Amino acid sequence: MLITSFFSLALLGTSPAQAGSGVAHDVIPVQLDAASTPGPKFDAARCRGIADLSSKAQPMFQQKENGEWECSYLLDYTETGHTPSVFIQIRGVEPGRWSSFRLKLNFGSILSRQALGGRAASIVYTLIGDQTPLRELGVTLAGGRDFELLFNGMSIKYKQERFDKTRFNLSGTNAPNPTKETTEQ
């Protein structure tokens, strides 16, 4: 099935000094013609699947009786003089479908930027599928450039934490599925 979707990409690219300066950000509208390949259902097995085999830590999956769930995981990468890490939190309000995610990246050296950027990108692709406007996401994340992306009912935002050039937050939301009531109106 061929789907045409429109999205806006705002590459903020601001330095901490520019952050409060009121500088306008470029918004680049782009049309994407690609087959829609949504990510697979997310469940406890998929949560366990994001584990790094070199780490003793394991992802934790919790599900409530009302169908809400959360997958969380902290990966520390030992490095001389640095403590790079990525914290992963994926939530859903119905079984099998994620509604939001947050990845907190704490970069160390240039090498850890590449490793953590690639790791974070693979998790995002697991959630949103591979036919997306997010090309070379790992490189973009490692580059440390803020951005905001809207497409196919999803919003993804990457932003440096205030006053710390080594910490970034990557977050995303997924619009809820239309219910039978809203589609009949």
N, C-alpha and C. Protein backbone atom coordinates (compact mmCIF):
# COMPACT_ATOMS: atom_id res chain seq x y z
N MET A 1 0.85 -1.17 0.00
CA MET A 1 0.00 0.00 0.00
C MET A 1 0.90 1.23 0.00
N LEU A 2 0.67 2.14 -0.94
CA LEU A 2 1.46 3.36 -1.03
C LEU A 2 0.75 4.47 -0.27
N ILE A 3 1.45 5.08 0.64
CA ILE A 3 0.88 6.15 1.45
C ILE A 3 1.69 7.41 1.23
N THR A 4 1.01 8.51 1.02
CA THR A 4 1.68 9.80 0.94
C THR A 4 1.44 10.51 2.25
N SER A 5 2.49 10.87 2.93
CA SER A 5 2.33 11.58 4.19
C SER A 5 3.12 12.86 4.13
N PHE A 6 2.67 13.83 4.87
CA PHE A 6 3.36 15.10 4.96
C PHE A 6 3.90 15.24 6.37
N PHE A 7 5.07 15.79 6.50
CA PHE A 7 5.62 16.03 7.81
C PHE A 7 6.46 17.29 7.76
N SER A 8 6.69 17.85 8.90
CA SER A 8 7.54 19.03 9.01
C SER A 8 8.75 18.66 9.83
N LEU A 9 9.89 19.08 9.37
CA LEU A 9 11.13 18.82 10.07
C LEU A 9 11.71 20.16 10.49
N ALA A 10 11.84 20.35 11.78
CA ALA A 10 12.42 21.59 12.28
C ALA A 10 13.79 21.27 12.84
N LEU A 11 14.81 21.57 12.09
CA LEU A 11 16.16 21.38 12.59
C LEU A 11 16.53 22.64 13.34
N LEU A 12 16.45 22.54 14.64
CA LEU A 12 16.63 23.72 15.46
C LEU A 12 18.07 24.21 15.43
N GLY A 13 19.02 23.34 15.60
CA GLY A 13 20.42 23.69 15.48
C GLY A 13 20.85 24.90 16.28
N THR A 14 20.31 25.08 17.47
CA THR A 14 20.68 26.23 18.27
C THR A 14 21.71 25.84 19.30
N SER A 15 22.59 26.75 19.56
CA SER A 15 23.56 26.53 20.63
C SER A 15 22.90 26.97 21.93
N PRO A 16 23.44 26.58 23.08
CA PRO A 16 22.87 27.03 24.34
C PRO A 16 22.79 28.56 24.43
N ALA A 17 23.75 29.25 23.82
CA ALA A 17 23.74 30.72 23.86
C ALA A 17 22.58 31.28 23.04
N GLN A 18 22.19 30.56 21.97
CA GLN A 18 21.10 31.03 21.12
C GLN A 18 19.73 30.65 21.67
N ALA A 19 19.68 29.71 22.59
CA ALA A 19 18.41 29.14 23.03
C ALA A 19 17.41 30.18 23.48
N GLY A 20 17.83 31.19 24.20
CA GLY A 20 16.89 32.19 24.68
C GLY A 20 16.89 33.45 23.85
N SER A 21 17.48 33.42 22.66
CA SER A 21 17.63 34.64 21.87
C SER A 21 16.44 34.96 21.00
N GLY A 22 15.45 34.07 20.94
CA GLY A 22 14.29 34.32 20.10
C GLY A 22 14.57 34.10 18.62
N VAL A 23 15.64 33.40 18.28
CA VAL A 23 15.99 33.12 16.89
C VAL A 23 14.94 32.19 16.31
N ALA A 24 14.41 32.53 15.13
CA ALA A 24 13.42 31.68 14.48
C ALA A 24 14.09 30.42 13.96
N HIS A 25 13.37 29.31 13.99
CA HIS A 25 13.90 28.04 13.52
C HIS A 25 13.30 27.73 12.16
N ASP A 26 14.11 27.13 11.30
CA ASP A 26 13.64 26.74 9.98
C ASP A 26 12.73 25.53 10.10
N VAL A 27 11.62 25.56 9.38
CA VAL A 27 10.73 24.41 9.29
C VAL A 27 10.71 24.03 7.82
N ILE A 28 11.09 22.81 7.53
CA ILE A 28 11.18 22.36 6.16
C ILE A 28 10.07 21.35 5.90
N PRO A 29 9.02 21.74 5.15
CA PRO A 29 7.98 20.75 4.84
C PRO A 29 8.48 19.81 3.75
N VAL A 30 8.25 18.52 3.94
CA VAL A 30 8.72 17.51 3.00
C VAL A 30 7.59 16.52 2.77
N GLN A 31 7.46 16.04 1.54
CA GLN A 31 6.47 15.02 1.24
C GLN A 31 7.19 13.69 1.14
N LEU A 32 6.64 12.69 1.78
CA LEU A 32 7.24 11.36 1.77
C LEU A 32 6.31 10.39 1.06
N ASP A 33 6.77 9.78 -0.01
CA ASP A 33 6.02 8.72 -0.68
C ASP A 33 6.72 7.41 -0.38
N ALA A 34 6.14 6.64 0.51
CA ALA A 34 6.76 5.37 0.88
C ALA A 34 5.70 4.42 1.38
N ALA A 35 5.97 3.15 1.22
CA ALA A 35 5.06 2.15 1.78
C ALA A 35 5.10 2.28 3.29
N SER A 36 3.94 2.23 3.90
CA SER A 36 3.87 2.35 5.35
C SER A 36 4.22 1.01 5.98
N THR A 37 5.24 1.00 6.82
CA THR A 37 5.65 -0.21 7.52
C THR A 37 5.72 0.11 8.99
N PRO A 38 4.58 0.04 9.70
CA PRO A 38 4.62 0.37 11.12
C PRO A 38 5.46 -0.64 11.89
N GLY A 39 5.96 -0.19 13.03
CA GLY A 39 6.74 -1.09 13.88
C GLY A 39 5.87 -2.22 14.38
N PRO A 40 6.49 -3.31 14.79
CA PRO A 40 5.74 -4.46 15.29
C PRO A 40 5.08 -4.14 16.63
N LYS A 41 4.14 -5.00 17.02
CA LYS A 41 3.50 -4.82 18.32
C LYS A 41 4.56 -4.85 19.40
N PHE A 42 4.39 -4.02 20.41
CA PHE A 42 5.36 -3.97 21.49
C PHE A 42 4.78 -4.67 22.70
N ASP A 43 5.49 -5.68 23.19
CA ASP A 43 5.04 -6.46 24.34
C ASP A 43 6.25 -6.83 25.19
N ALA A 44 6.06 -7.69 26.18
CA ALA A 44 7.14 -8.07 27.08
C ALA A 44 8.31 -8.70 26.33
N ALA A 45 8.02 -9.52 25.33
CA ALA A 45 9.10 -10.16 24.55
C ALA A 45 9.89 -9.12 23.77
N ARG A 46 9.21 -8.15 23.19
CA ARG A 46 9.89 -7.08 22.44
C ARG A 46 10.72 -6.24 23.40
N CYS A 47 10.21 -6.01 24.61
CA CYS A 47 10.97 -5.27 25.63
C CYS A 47 12.26 -6.01 25.95
N ARG A 48 12.17 -7.30 26.20
CA ARG A 48 13.38 -8.09 26.47
C ARG A 48 14.34 -8.06 25.29
N GLY A 49 13.80 -7.92 24.09
CA GLY A 49 14.60 -7.91 22.87
C GLY A 49 15.48 -6.68 22.70
N ILE A 50 15.23 -5.62 23.45
CA ILE A 50 16.09 -4.43 23.33
C ILE A 50 17.32 -4.53 24.22
N ALA A 51 17.46 -5.63 24.95
CA ALA A 51 18.61 -5.81 25.85
C ALA A 51 19.91 -5.82 25.06
N ASP A 52 20.93 -5.26 25.67
CA ASP A 52 22.29 -5.30 25.13
C ASP A 52 22.95 -6.55 25.69
N LEU A 53 23.39 -7.44 24.83
CA LEU A 53 23.95 -8.72 25.27
C LEU A 53 25.23 -8.56 26.08
N SER A 54 25.91 -7.42 25.95
CA SER A 54 27.14 -7.21 26.70
C SER A 54 26.88 -6.68 28.11
N SER A 55 25.61 -6.44 28.44
CA SER A 55 25.25 -5.87 29.74
C SER A 55 24.55 -6.91 30.60
N LYS A 56 24.82 -6.87 31.90
CA LYS A 56 24.12 -7.75 32.83
C LYS A 56 22.71 -7.23 33.12
N ALA A 57 22.52 -5.92 32.98
CA ALA A 57 21.21 -5.32 33.23
C ALA A 57 20.21 -5.80 32.17
N GLN A 58 18.97 -5.97 32.60
CA GLN A 58 17.91 -6.41 31.70
C GLN A 58 16.76 -5.41 31.71
N PRO A 59 16.07 -5.26 30.58
CA PRO A 59 14.90 -4.38 30.55
C PRO A 59 13.81 -4.90 31.48
N MET A 60 13.02 -3.99 32.01
CA MET A 60 11.91 -4.36 32.90
C MET A 60 10.59 -4.01 32.21
N PHE A 61 9.68 -4.97 32.13
CA PHE A 61 8.37 -4.76 31.54
C PHE A 61 7.33 -4.90 32.64
N GLN A 62 6.48 -3.88 32.78
CA GLN A 62 5.40 -3.90 33.76
C GLN A 62 4.09 -3.62 33.05
N GLN A 63 3.06 -4.40 33.37
CA GLN A 63 1.75 -4.19 32.77
C GLN A 63 0.70 -4.11 33.86
N LYS A 64 -0.19 -3.13 33.71
CA LYS A 64 -1.29 -2.96 34.67
C LYS A 64 -2.52 -3.70 34.16
N GLU A 65 -3.47 -3.90 35.05
CA GLU A 65 -4.70 -4.60 34.68
C GLU A 65 -5.51 -3.86 33.63
N ASN A 66 -5.40 -2.53 33.60
CA ASN A 66 -6.18 -1.74 32.64
C ASN A 66 -5.56 -1.72 31.24
N GLY A 67 -4.46 -2.46 31.04
CA GLY A 67 -3.82 -2.54 29.73
C GLY A 67 -2.63 -1.63 29.55
N GLU A 68 -2.47 -0.64 30.44
CA GLU A 68 -1.30 0.24 30.35
C GLU A 68 -0.05 -0.56 30.67
N TRP A 69 1.06 -0.18 30.05
CA TRP A 69 2.31 -0.90 30.28
C TRP A 69 3.50 0.05 30.15
N GLU A 70 4.65 -0.43 30.64
CA GLU A 70 5.89 0.33 30.55
C GLU A 70 7.07 -0.62 30.43
N CYS A 71 7.99 -0.26 29.56
CA CYS A 71 9.26 -0.97 29.40
C CYS A 71 10.35 0.04 29.73
N SER A 72 11.23 -0.29 30.67
CA SER A 72 12.31 0.63 31.02
C SER A 72 13.63 -0.14 31.11
N TYR A 73 14.71 0.59 30.85
CA TYR A 73 16.01 -0.05 30.75
C TYR A 73 17.10 1.01 30.87
N LEU A 74 18.11 0.73 31.67
CA LEU A 74 19.27 1.62 31.79
C LEU A 74 20.50 0.86 31.34
N LEU A 75 21.18 1.43 30.35
CA LEU A 75 22.42 0.84 29.84
C LEU A 75 23.57 1.77 30.17
N ASP A 76 24.53 1.27 30.91
CA ASP A 76 25.75 2.02 31.21
C ASP A 76 26.86 1.46 30.35
N TYR A 77 27.62 2.36 29.75
CA TYR A 77 28.78 1.96 28.96
C TYR A 77 30.02 2.45 29.68
N THR A 78 30.82 1.54 30.21
CA THR A 78 32.01 1.91 30.97
C THR A 78 33.08 2.42 30.02
N GLU A 79 33.67 3.53 30.41
CA GLU A 79 34.69 4.17 29.60
C GLU A 79 35.61 4.93 30.54
N THR A 80 36.88 4.96 30.27
CA THR A 80 37.83 5.66 31.13
C THR A 80 37.49 7.14 31.21
N GLY A 81 37.22 7.62 32.42
CA GLY A 81 36.97 9.03 32.63
C GLY A 81 35.58 9.51 32.25
N HIS A 82 34.75 8.65 31.66
CA HIS A 82 33.40 9.05 31.25
C HIS A 82 32.41 7.99 31.73
N THR A 83 31.18 8.36 31.84
CA THR A 83 30.14 7.39 32.17
C THR A 83 28.98 7.54 31.20
N PRO A 84 29.17 7.19 29.93
CA PRO A 84 28.07 7.29 28.98
C PRO A 84 26.97 6.28 29.32
N SER A 85 25.73 6.67 29.07
CA SER A 85 24.60 5.78 29.35
C SER A 85 23.41 6.19 28.49
N VAL A 86 22.46 5.29 28.40
CA VAL A 86 21.18 5.59 27.77
C VAL A 86 20.09 4.98 28.65
N PHE A 87 19.12 5.80 29.01
CA PHE A 87 17.95 5.34 29.75
C PHE A 87 16.80 5.28 28.76
N ILE A 88 16.11 4.16 28.75
CA ILE A 88 15.03 3.92 27.79
C ILE A 88 13.73 3.72 28.55
N GLN A 89 12.69 4.45 28.16
CA GLN A 89 11.37 4.29 28.76
C GLN A 89 10.35 4.33 27.63
N ILE A 90 9.59 3.24 27.50
CA ILE A 90 8.57 3.14 26.46
C ILE A 90 7.26 2.82 27.17
N ARG A 91 6.21 3.59 26.86
CA ARG A 91 4.92 3.39 27.53
C ARG A 91 3.81 3.18 26.51
N GLY A 92 2.79 2.47 26.96
CA GLY A 92 1.60 2.26 26.16
C GLY A 92 0.36 2.32 27.02
N VAL A 93 -0.76 2.70 26.42
CA VAL A 93 -2.02 2.75 27.17
C VAL A 93 -2.97 1.63 26.74
N GLU A 94 -2.54 0.86 25.75
CA GLU A 94 -3.29 -0.31 25.34
C GLU A 94 -2.29 -1.41 24.98
N PRO A 95 -2.67 -2.66 25.14
CA PRO A 95 -1.73 -3.75 24.87
C PRO A 95 -1.18 -3.70 23.44
N GLY A 96 0.14 -3.86 23.34
CA GLY A 96 0.79 -3.97 22.04
C GLY A 96 1.11 -2.69 21.31
N ARG A 97 0.62 -1.55 21.76
CA ARG A 97 0.82 -0.30 21.03
C ARG A 97 1.46 0.74 21.93
N TRP A 98 2.61 1.26 21.53
CA TRP A 98 3.29 2.28 22.32
C TRP A 98 2.60 3.63 22.11
N SER A 99 2.56 4.43 23.16
CA SER A 99 1.98 5.78 23.06
C SER A 99 3.05 6.85 23.25
N SER A 100 4.13 6.53 23.97
CA SER A 100 5.21 7.51 24.14
C SER A 100 6.51 6.77 24.46
N PHE A 101 7.60 7.45 24.13
CA PHE A 101 8.91 6.92 24.53
C PHE A 101 9.80 8.08 24.91
N ARG A 102 10.80 7.75 25.72
CA ARG A 102 11.80 8.74 26.13
C ARG A 102 13.13 8.02 26.24
N LEU A 103 14.13 8.59 25.61
CA LEU A 103 15.49 8.08 25.71
C LEU A 103 16.36 9.22 26.20
N LYS A 104 17.04 9.00 27.30
CA LYS A 104 17.95 10.00 27.85
C LYS A 104 19.37 9.54 27.53
N LEU A 105 20.05 10.30 26.71
CA LEU A 105 21.41 9.95 26.29
C LEU A 105 22.42 10.79 27.05
N ASN A 106 23.38 10.13 27.66
CA ASN A 106 24.46 10.79 28.38
C ASN A 106 25.75 10.40 27.65
N PHE A 107 26.22 11.31 26.79
CA PHE A 107 27.38 11.02 25.97
C PHE A 107 28.68 11.20 26.74
N GLY A 108 29.68 10.43 26.36
CA GLY A 108 31.03 10.58 26.89
C GLY A 108 31.92 11.09 25.78
N SER A 109 32.74 10.22 25.23
CA SER A 109 33.66 10.59 24.15
C SER A 109 32.94 10.56 22.80
N ILE A 110 33.68 10.91 21.74
CA ILE A 110 33.14 10.86 20.38
C ILE A 110 32.71 9.44 20.04
N LEU A 111 33.49 8.45 20.43
CA LEU A 111 33.15 7.06 20.16
C LEU A 111 31.84 6.68 20.84
N SER A 112 31.64 7.13 22.09
CA SER A 112 30.39 6.80 22.77
C SER A 112 29.21 7.52 22.11
N ARG A 113 29.43 8.69 21.54
CA ARG A 113 28.35 9.38 20.80
C ARG A 113 27.87 8.51 19.65
N GLN A 114 28.80 7.93 18.92
CA GLN A 114 28.43 7.07 17.79
C GLN A 114 27.71 5.82 18.28
N ALA A 115 28.23 5.18 19.32
CA ALA A 115 27.62 3.95 19.84
C ALA A 115 26.23 4.21 20.41
N LEU A 116 26.09 5.24 21.23
CA LEU A 116 24.79 5.55 21.82
C LEU A 116 23.80 6.07 20.78
N GLY A 117 24.28 6.88 19.84
CA GLY A 117 23.41 7.36 18.76
C GLY A 117 22.86 6.21 17.95
N GLY A 118 23.72 5.25 17.61
CA GLY A 118 23.28 4.08 16.87
C GLY A 118 22.32 3.21 17.66
N ARG A 119 22.57 3.05 18.94
CA ARG A 119 21.70 2.25 19.81
C ARG A 119 20.32 2.89 19.93
N ALA A 120 20.30 4.19 20.16
CA ALA A 120 19.02 4.92 20.27
C ALA A 120 18.25 4.86 18.95
N ALA A 121 18.94 5.01 17.83
CA ALA A 121 18.29 4.96 16.52
C ALA A 121 17.65 3.59 16.29
N SER A 122 18.34 2.51 16.65
CA SER A 122 17.77 1.18 16.44
C SER A 122 16.50 0.98 17.25
N ILE A 123 16.44 1.55 18.44
CA ILE A 123 15.23 1.45 19.26
C ILE A 123 14.09 2.24 18.63
N VAL A 124 14.38 3.44 18.14
CA VAL A 124 13.35 4.25 17.48
C VAL A 124 12.82 3.52 16.25
N TYR A 125 13.69 2.94 15.43
CA TYR A 125 13.24 2.21 14.25
C TYR A 125 12.41 0.99 14.64
N THR A 126 12.71 0.35 15.77
CA THR A 126 11.91 -0.76 16.26
C THR A 126 10.48 -0.30 16.55
N LEU A 127 10.35 0.91 17.06
CA LEU A 127 9.03 1.43 17.42
C LEU A 127 8.24 1.95 16.22
N ILE A 128 8.89 2.70 15.34
CA ILE A 128 8.14 3.39 14.28
C ILE A 128 8.22 2.72 12.92
N GLY A 129 9.02 1.68 12.79
CA GLY A 129 9.17 1.01 11.50
C GLY A 129 10.34 1.58 10.73
N ASP A 130 10.61 0.97 9.58
CA ASP A 130 11.80 1.37 8.84
C ASP A 130 11.53 2.30 7.67
N GLN A 131 10.31 2.44 7.22
CA GLN A 131 9.99 3.35 6.12
C GLN A 131 9.57 4.69 6.70
N THR A 132 10.55 5.46 7.10
CA THR A 132 10.29 6.73 7.78
C THR A 132 11.16 7.83 7.18
N PRO A 133 10.85 9.07 7.50
CA PRO A 133 11.71 10.17 7.06
C PRO A 133 12.99 10.29 7.88
N LEU A 134 13.16 9.44 8.86
CA LEU A 134 14.34 9.50 9.73
C LEU A 134 15.48 8.69 9.14
N ARG A 135 16.19 9.25 8.21
CA ARG A 135 17.34 8.59 7.61
C ARG A 135 18.58 8.93 8.42
N GLU A 136 19.46 7.96 8.59
CA GLU A 136 20.71 8.15 9.32
C GLU A 136 20.49 8.82 10.68
N LEU A 137 19.49 8.32 11.40
CA LEU A 137 19.15 8.89 12.70
C LEU A 137 20.31 8.79 13.68
N GLY A 138 21.03 7.69 13.68
CA GLY A 138 22.16 7.54 14.59
C GLY A 138 23.20 8.64 14.43
N VAL A 139 23.49 9.00 13.19
CA VAL A 139 24.45 10.07 12.90
C VAL A 139 23.91 11.40 13.39
N THR A 140 22.62 11.64 13.17
CA THR A 140 21.99 12.88 13.61
C THR A 140 22.04 13.01 15.13
N LEU A 141 21.73 11.93 15.83
CA LEU A 141 21.76 11.96 17.29
C LEU A 141 23.18 12.19 17.80
N ALA A 142 24.15 11.49 17.23
CA ALA A 142 25.54 11.64 17.64
C ALA A 142 26.05 13.06 17.39
N GLY A 143 25.51 13.70 16.35
CA GLY A 143 25.91 15.07 16.02
C GLY A 143 25.44 16.10 17.02
N GLY A 144 24.46 15.75 17.85
CA GLY A 144 24.01 16.64 18.91
C GLY A 144 23.24 17.85 18.44
N ARG A 145 22.52 17.73 17.33
CA ARG A 145 21.74 18.85 16.82
C ARG A 145 20.27 18.64 17.18
N ASP A 146 19.67 19.62 17.85
CA ASP A 146 18.27 19.54 18.23
C ASP A 146 17.39 19.45 16.99
N PHE A 147 16.29 18.69 17.08
CA PHE A 147 15.32 18.66 15.99
C PHE A 147 13.96 18.27 16.51
N GLU A 148 12.95 18.54 15.70
CA GLU A 148 11.59 18.12 15.97
C GLU A 148 11.01 17.63 14.66
N LEU A 149 10.33 16.50 14.70
CA LEU A 149 9.82 15.86 13.50
C LEU A 149 8.38 15.42 13.74
N LEU A 150 7.51 15.73 12.79
CA LEU A 150 6.11 15.32 12.87
C LEU A 150 5.76 14.57 11.60
N PHE A 151 5.24 13.34 11.73
CA PHE A 151 4.83 12.58 10.55
C PHE A 151 3.93 11.42 10.98
N ASN A 152 3.00 11.06 10.11
CA ASN A 152 2.12 9.90 10.32
C ASN A 152 1.53 9.81 11.72
N GLY A 153 1.13 10.92 12.30
CA GLY A 153 0.54 10.92 13.63
C GLY A 153 1.54 10.77 14.76
N MET A 154 2.82 10.83 14.44
CA MET A 154 3.87 10.71 15.45
C MET A 154 4.65 12.02 15.56
N SER A 155 5.15 12.26 16.75
CA SER A 155 5.99 13.42 17.01
C SER A 155 7.27 12.94 17.67
N ILE A 156 8.41 13.36 17.15
CA ILE A 156 9.70 12.98 17.72
C ILE A 156 10.51 14.25 17.93
N LYS A 157 11.08 14.38 19.12
CA LYS A 157 11.83 15.58 19.48
C LYS A 157 13.15 15.19 20.13
N TYR A 158 14.21 15.87 19.73
CA TYR A 158 15.55 15.63 20.27
C TYR A 158 16.10 16.97 20.73
N LYS A 159 16.47 17.04 22.00
CA LYS A 159 16.88 18.32 22.56
C LYS A 159 17.96 18.13 23.61
N GLN A 160 18.93 19.02 23.57
CA GLN A 160 20.00 19.03 24.56
C GLN A 160 19.43 19.52 25.89
N GLU A 161 19.89 18.89 26.99
CA GLU A 161 19.48 19.37 28.31
C GLU A 161 20.13 20.72 28.57
N ARG A 162 19.45 21.55 29.32
CA ARG A 162 19.99 22.88 29.63
C ARG A 162 21.32 22.77 30.34
N PHE A 163 22.25 23.57 29.91
CA PHE A 163 23.55 23.74 30.56
C PHE A 163 24.43 22.49 30.57
N ASP A 164 24.12 21.47 29.78
CA ASP A 164 24.95 20.27 29.75
C ASP A 164 25.05 19.77 28.31
N LYS A 165 26.19 19.99 27.68
CA LYS A 165 26.34 19.65 26.27
C LYS A 165 26.53 18.15 26.02
N THR A 166 26.58 17.33 27.07
CA THR A 166 26.73 15.88 26.89
C THR A 166 25.44 15.11 27.12
N ARG A 167 24.37 15.78 27.52
CA ARG A 167 23.10 15.08 27.82
C ARG A 167 22.00 15.56 26.88
N PHE A 168 21.28 14.58 26.32
CA PHE A 168 20.21 14.87 25.38
C PHE A 168 18.99 14.01 25.70
N ASN A 169 17.82 14.51 25.35
CA ASN A 169 16.57 13.77 25.51
C ASN A 169 15.95 13.57 24.13
N LEU A 170 15.59 12.34 23.84
CA LEU A 170 14.88 11.99 22.61
C LEU A 170 13.52 11.46 23.05
N SER A 171 12.47 12.13 22.64
CA SER A 171 11.13 11.69 23.07
C SER A 171 10.21 11.61 21.87
N GLY A 172 9.20 10.79 22.00
CA GLY A 172 8.24 10.63 20.92
C GLY A 172 6.87 10.30 21.45
N THR A 173 5.87 10.71 20.69
CA THR A 173 4.48 10.36 21.00
C THR A 173 3.84 9.78 19.76
N ASN A 174 2.87 8.92 19.98
CA ASN A 174 2.17 8.23 18.91
C ASN A 174 0.69 8.52 19.11
N ALA A 175 0.05 9.11 18.11
CA ALA A 175 -1.37 9.43 18.21
C ALA A 175 -2.16 8.15 18.45
N PRO A 176 -3.19 8.23 19.29
CA PRO A 176 -3.98 7.02 19.58
C PRO A 176 -4.71 6.54 18.33
N ASN A 177 -4.99 5.23 18.30
CA ASN A 177 -5.80 4.68 17.22
C ASN A 177 -7.19 5.28 17.29
N PRO A 178 -7.81 5.60 16.15
CA PRO A 178 -9.18 6.08 16.21
C PRO A 178 -10.09 4.99 16.74
N THR A 179 -10.98 5.37 17.63
CA THR A 179 -11.92 4.39 18.18
C THR A 179 -13.12 4.27 17.26
N LYS A 180 -13.90 3.26 17.47
CA LYS A 180 -15.09 3.04 16.64
C LYS A 180 -16.03 4.24 16.74
N GLU A 181 -16.15 4.81 17.95
CA GLU A 181 -17.03 5.96 18.14
C GLU A 181 -16.59 7.16 17.31
N THR A 182 -15.28 7.45 17.25
CA THR A 182 -14.82 8.62 16.51
C THR A 182 -14.88 8.40 15.01
N THR A 183 -14.77 7.15 14.54
CA THR A 183 -14.82 6.91 13.10
C THR A 183 -16.25 6.91 12.59
N GLU A 184 -17.24 6.69 13.46
CA GLU A 184 -18.63 6.68 13.04
C GLU A 184 -19.24 8.07 13.02
N GLN A 185 -18.59 9.05 13.61
CA GLN A 185 -19.15 10.40 13.67
C GLN A 185 -19.03 11.12 12.36
